[in-house]
């Protein structure tokens, strides 16, 4: 290790050099070293140290950063670093640290920069509260779920400019009144369970001549109450993210005074009232997100008048009406636009023709009727996500859609009045992950060319007028999680090769399928939902079904299935104990019809909470297996209209 011989060395930066292995202890010979940075990156290399005793010998060290260095075995790390009285900057981000240190005294009292984020430390080390020179504190992404934040951390650090305790699931009220911290610029509290009123954090009259706050992120907490008027005092604020809380009341009128604001995120709250037209004067705004609130009223051209830099607009899931003239040309070029659940129609908005940089366009349930305009596909070469589902669109899916939208990853056109066939050019979209064209009037056969879509995990064409057989090319889709072809006119046998796929949701109900049930169960964990009801299947229930440990919903009703019910039915582990249930992904607009007691109920995402077995209206015989009584999570069991005999198990009440 030639570096250890450079005894006059003062500066050593080996960060992101791609080294592997253990840090040599001989570095302790560098007694004059003031700056040491062997930070790694899991993508470039992985280095470790089983102890930091060698660090304690570097008494002149002022700067020590070891981010992404594996220190899980270095139980003495704090004791060693505590021997560095001149230390001013310490970075131990993502070092696999787990231990709690009871020492309340730190000898490095000149520390100004501290980053121990992305570790597994279970409580805030008490020595942090006694450091008075700190300017930068990053404790993010640890495990402080049982910790409460003390005001002492702010009272002792008047120089604080950066504070981050995000993603720790911390509890209780956040300490009050940060307005006296005159150098504070960045406050990140997101991903916790802090509660109370945000006004108490901002304090009353500012203790400083002018606030220097630039970033304030508190999304995904439990804050409530009205949005305070104090935000008008934060003239230099660039990012304000209050989304995912329980804020209520109206939008503060003085938000317009935040002239430096670039990102305004207020989504997922309970805000009501109208959006002030003065929002349109925030000329530096890049991202405007008001989704999932209780906002109402008209949004017009004045709301966007000076938003020249806007790249992301999301006002979805409110009761808003977008009312602009047909000749309106927006001042911005947006990349992401979400107007879902707003009243945008009846015409397809012409101003979208001016947007040349769109990658995400969502206008589901936007009261749009008429045909899909040709110019949409002329501006669509960059689109990756297109959702115009649940409208009243007519016409056909363009035959050349695969050529017009080569970057498409998500295509959602379900719930319209589209007709015609399924274009084979869809098979050219080799980046596609989700396609949902359900609930239309599409007809004809499915193309046979799907094998190239190796990233596809949702394939949904239910509730149409399609026919023919299932293409065997679907068997090549090794990422396929969801296959829904319900309520069509498909015929023939289900390809046995589908049982080789690690699917989680399979719905082929209400078709004309024949033959035997495929032996699903080769992949024992994934399948959570199987709906094959209302077909013409024959033969028995394959015993492989009993290996489906994640199954929560099974319907084979209204077929011609015969033979006994397998006595291994308690292999459905999730129905025995829901702790075994691994869940399944978002339903993405899919739903299931569940028949119980003569009634039919549509289930969407909540199906993951409903455990059901329906084998009714078949030709099953023999006794009811006693193994059914072990399915303690079962909420719906329908064995009616079969040829079952014998006794009902006496402990069915379990």
Foldseek 3Di string as FASTA:
>chain_A
DVVLVPQQDAEDAQEAVLDEEEDDLSVLSNQNHAEDHNAYDPVRYEYEYLACQSQLSNQNYAYYAHERHAHLNHPCHQVSVLSHQNHAEYHHDQRQDADADQDLARNNLNHAYDAHDQYAYADDHNVLLVRQNYAEDAHDHYAPLVYDDDPSNCVRHLNHAYDYHEQHQHDEAHAFDPLSSQNHAEDHHANYAHEEECDRNNDDPRNDPAHNHAYDAHAQYAYEEEDDPCVLRHQNHAEDAHHHYAYEEEDDPSVLSNLNYAYDHHDHYAYEEEDDLSCLNNQNYAEDAHYHYAYEEEDELSNNVRPLNHAEYHHEDYAYEYDYDLPDAGNYQYAEYAHAPYADDCDDRNNCLNHQRHAYDAHANRQYEEEDDPSVLVSACNHAYDHHAQYAHEEEDDLQSLVSHQNHAEAHHDNYAYEEEDHPSVLNNLNHAEYAHAHYAYEEEDDQRNLSNQNHAYDHHAHYAYEEEDHPSVLNNQNHAYDYHEQYAYEEAHPLSVLVHLYAEYHHDQYAYEEADRLRQPPLERHAYDHHDNYAYEEEDHPSVLSNCQHQYEAHAHYAYEEADDLSVLSVNCLLPVVSHPADDAQSPDWDWDDDPNDTDIGGSCSSQAGEYAHYQYAYEEADHPSCCSRNSHDYYHHYHYHYDDDDPPSNVD
